[in-house]
Amino acid sequence: MGAVRLLRGLVGCAASLVVLTGCVRADHDDLNLWMENERARQKPKLPVPHVPVVYQAPVYTRYDGLEPFSRQRLLQAATAESFKPVTSSSKSSVQATPPLEASPLAGMRLVGSLRRGGQRVALLRVNGLLYSVRVGDKLGQDQGRVSAITLSELVLHEVSIDLDGQSTERVVSLALVSEP
């Protein structure tokens, strides 16, 4: 059984050698001639190169006025804005209430306090923004004024009008809230 296999393997190898020797001696003159003719017929089609336009850089002249971010320019803009006449369209922007006076106290969160220049300053988060508040500042929609700031709370006095039209003063405090 093993000898038969060996014999079959040798016969297969011999047959492959006979086939391969037939390929080695063949002349391929006709194939080579055809390939040379095809190469001669084919001319590469190259696109015409685009001639670039010469770039002309702009000429910059020196600006002799105020620099755009100078302090003088900002002061000029501020004074020009303050002397602008009040028109009907700009009245609403002039009379707009600050965000701390327009927001209700329920939407304010005391998130911290610190000491700046010997005075205690409270940090309030209102509508996702952080504001610093000092004693005497106005807060809330009921004309509240900050009267005291401690490490853990902010105290303010509000003037509210009851149903009889009488104004009463009340003390309100905001406690420190820990935020995640």
Protein backbone atom coordinates (compact mmCIF):
# COMPACT_ATOMS: atom_id res chain seq x y z
CA MET A 1 0.00 0.00 0.00
CA GLY A 2 2.80 2.43 0.86
CA ALA A 3 4.73 1.47 -2.27
CA VAL A 4 1.70 2.21 -4.45
CA ARG A 5 1.40 5.65 -3.00
CA LEU A 6 5.05 6.32 -3.51
CA LEU A 7 4.83 5.16 -7.11
CA ARG A 8 1.81 7.37 -7.81
CA GLY A 9 3.66 10.38 -6.34
CA LEU A 10 6.70 9.76 -8.55
CA VAL A 11 4.53 9.40 -11.67
CA GLY A 12 2.74 12.67 -10.83
CA CYS A 13 6.07 14.50 -10.42
CA ALA A 14 7.41 13.13 -13.68
CA ALA A 15 4.26 14.20 -15.55
CA SER A 16 4.54 17.73 -14.15
CA LEU A 17 8.18 17.96 -15.25
CA VAL A 18 7.25 16.89 -18.78
CA VAL A 19 4.51 19.54 -18.99
CA LEU A 20 6.81 22.26 -17.62
CA THR A 21 9.65 21.45 -20.02
CA GLY A 22 7.24 21.95 -22.90
CA CYS A 23 6.60 25.54 -21.75
CA VAL A 24 10.25 26.46 -21.41
CA ARG A 25 11.30 25.98 -25.01
CA ALA A 26 8.28 27.53 -26.70
CA ASP A 27 8.93 30.62 -28.82
CA HIS A 28 6.72 33.58 -28.06
CA ASP A 29 7.73 35.71 -31.00
CA ASP A 30 4.14 36.33 -32.09
CA LEU A 31 3.14 37.38 -28.57
CA ASN A 32 6.10 39.74 -28.24
CA LEU A 33 5.36 41.27 -31.67
CA TRP A 34 1.71 41.86 -30.75
CA MET A 35 2.72 43.57 -27.47
CA GLU A 36 5.17 45.89 -29.26
CA ASN A 37 2.48 46.88 -31.79
CA GLU A 38 -0.01 47.65 -29.01
CA ARG A 39 2.51 49.78 -27.13
CA ALA A 40 3.29 51.75 -30.28
CA ARG A 41 -0.41 52.38 -30.97
CA GLN A 42 -1.22 53.63 -27.50
CA LYS A 43 -0.17 57.20 -26.85
CA PRO A 44 -0.71 58.52 -23.33
CA LYS A 45 -3.32 61.23 -23.18
CA LEU A 46 -1.97 63.86 -20.84
CA PRO A 47 -4.12 66.85 -19.95
CA VAL A 48 -2.84 70.28 -20.85
CA PRO A 49 -1.39 71.76 -17.68
CA HIS A 50 -3.25 74.71 -16.20
CA VAL A 51 -1.08 77.80 -15.95
CA PRO A 52 -1.46 79.29 -12.47
CA VAL A 53 -2.44 82.91 -12.08
CA VAL A 54 0.17 85.05 -10.40
CA TYR A 55 -1.04 85.98 -6.92
CA GLN A 56 -1.10 89.67 -6.13
CA ALA A 57 -0.89 90.26 -2.39
CA PRO A 58 -2.99 93.18 -1.12
CA VAL A 59 -1.09 96.22 0.00
CA TYR A 60 -1.77 97.07 3.62
CA THR A 61 -1.43 100.62 4.75
CA ARG A 62 -0.65 101.55 8.30
CA TYR A 63 -3.65 102.66 10.34
CA ASP A 64 -2.84 105.87 12.18
CA GLY A 65 -6.01 105.90 14.30
CA LEU A 66 -6.54 104.23 17.63
CA GLU A 67 -5.72 100.57 17.96
CA PRO A 68 -8.84 98.40 18.00
CA PHE A 69 -8.31 97.13 21.56
CA SER A 70 -6.84 100.25 23.16
CA ARG A 71 -8.34 101.65 26.34
CA GLN A 72 -8.93 105.03 24.66
CA ARG A 73 -11.09 103.42 21.98
CA LEU A 74 -13.20 101.66 24.60
CA LEU A 75 -13.64 104.90 26.54
CA GLN A 76 -14.68 106.73 23.38
CA ALA A 77 -17.23 104.05 22.58
CA ALA A 78 -18.60 104.18 26.14
CA THR A 79 -18.97 107.94 26.14
CA ALA A 80 -20.54 107.92 22.67
CA GLU A 81 -23.05 105.31 23.89
CA SER A 82 -23.93 107.35 26.99
CA PHE A 83 -24.68 110.49 24.92
CA LYS A 84 -26.86 108.65 22.43
CA PRO A 85 -30.43 110.03 22.39
CA VAL A 86 -33.07 107.71 23.80
CA THR A 87 -35.49 106.62 21.08
CA SER A 88 -38.57 104.50 21.36
CA SER A 89 -36.67 101.41 20.20
CA SER A 90 -33.83 101.88 22.69
CA LYS A 91 -36.08 102.70 25.69
CA SER A 92 -36.73 99.04 26.36
CA SER A 93 -33.00 98.26 26.48
CA VAL A 94 -32.30 101.23 28.77
CA GLN A 95 -35.11 100.39 31.17
CA ALA A 96 -34.48 96.63 31.22
CA THR A 97 -34.10 95.25 34.72
CA PRO A 98 -30.86 93.53 35.69
CA PRO A 99 -31.07 89.72 35.78
CA LEU A 100 -30.77 89.55 39.57
CA GLU A 101 -33.77 91.87 40.00
CA ALA A 102 -35.84 90.18 37.28
CA SER A 103 -35.39 86.63 38.63
CA PRO A 104 -37.48 85.26 41.50
CA LEU A 105 -35.70 84.29 44.71
CA ALA A 106 -36.88 80.71 44.26
CA GLY A 107 -34.64 80.39 41.19
CA MET A 108 -31.51 81.65 43.00
CA ARG A 109 -29.03 79.34 44.70
CA LEU A 110 -26.34 80.48 47.14
CA VAL A 111 -23.33 78.39 46.16
CA GLY A 112 -20.60 80.05 48.20
CA SER A 113 -19.16 83.13 49.78
CA LEU A 114 -15.74 84.68 49.97
CA ARG A 115 -14.01 87.71 51.36
CA ARG A 116 -12.80 90.33 48.88
CA GLY A 117 -11.19 93.56 50.05
CA GLY A 118 -12.37 93.01 53.63
CA GLN A 119 -16.01 92.62 52.54
CA ARG A 120 -17.93 89.39 52.29
CA VAL A 121 -19.18 88.55 48.77
CA ALA A 122 -21.86 85.94 48.06
CA LEU A 123 -21.86 83.77 44.93
CA LEU A 124 -25.33 83.16 43.48
CA ARG A 125 -26.23 80.81 40.63
CA VAL A 126 -29.16 82.18 38.60
CA ASN A 127 -30.29 80.48 35.36
CA GLY A 128 -26.99 78.62 35.09
CA LEU A 129 -24.85 81.77 35.47
CA LEU A 130 -22.76 82.75 38.49
CA TYR A 131 -23.11 86.25 40.00
CA SER A 132 -21.25 87.96 42.84
CA VAL A 133 -23.43 89.91 45.27
CA ARG A 134 -22.42 92.38 48.02
CA VAL A 135 -24.28 93.94 50.92
CA GLY A 136 -26.64 96.62 49.57
CA ASP A 137 -27.24 94.99 46.17
CA LYS A 138 -30.81 94.48 44.94
CA LEU A 139 -32.18 90.95 44.56
CA GLY A 140 -35.46 89.41 43.52
CA GLN A 141 -38.71 90.73 42.14
CA ASP A 142 -39.91 92.23 45.46
CA GLN A 143 -37.30 95.01 45.75
CA GLY A 144 -35.10 93.06 48.15
CA ARG A 145 -31.77 94.47 49.37
CA VAL A 146 -28.95 92.32 50.73
CA SER A 147 -28.41 93.18 54.39
CA ALA A 148 -25.94 90.50 55.52
CA ILE A 149 -23.73 87.79 54.09
CA THR A 150 -22.31 85.01 56.26
CA LEU A 151 -20.46 81.81 55.43
CA SER A 152 -23.66 79.81 55.13
CA GLU A 153 -26.47 82.25 54.27
CA LEU A 154 -27.48 85.49 52.60
CA VAL A 155 -30.02 87.72 54.37
CA LEU A 156 -32.09 90.32 52.55
CA HIS A 157 -34.97 92.65 53.37
CA GLU A 158 -37.90 92.76 50.95
CA VAL A 159 -40.71 95.26 50.71
CA SER A 160 -43.94 93.57 49.74
CA ILE A 161 -47.41 95.02 49.29
CA ASP A 162 -50.25 93.08 50.87
CA LEU A 163 -53.87 92.83 49.68
CA ASP A 164 -54.82 96.07 51.44
CA GLY A 165 -52.12 98.01 49.56
CA GLN A 166 -49.98 98.37 52.70
CA SER A 167 -46.23 97.88 52.27
CA THR A 168 -44.62 95.54 54.72
CA GLU A 169 -40.99 94.64 55.15
CA ARG A 170 -39.95 91.05 55.60
CA VAL A 171 -36.62 89.30 56.13
CA VAL A 172 -35.73 86.50 53.74
CA SER A 173 -32.64 84.32 53.77
CA LEU A 174 -31.01 82.06 51.20
CA ALA A 175 -29.11 79.12 52.68
CA LEU A 176 -25.93 77.67 51.21
CA VAL A 177 -26.64 74.86 48.75
CA SER A 178 -24.10 72.19 47.92
CA GLU A 179 -24.00 71.56 44.17
CA PRO A 180 -22.77 68.37 42.54
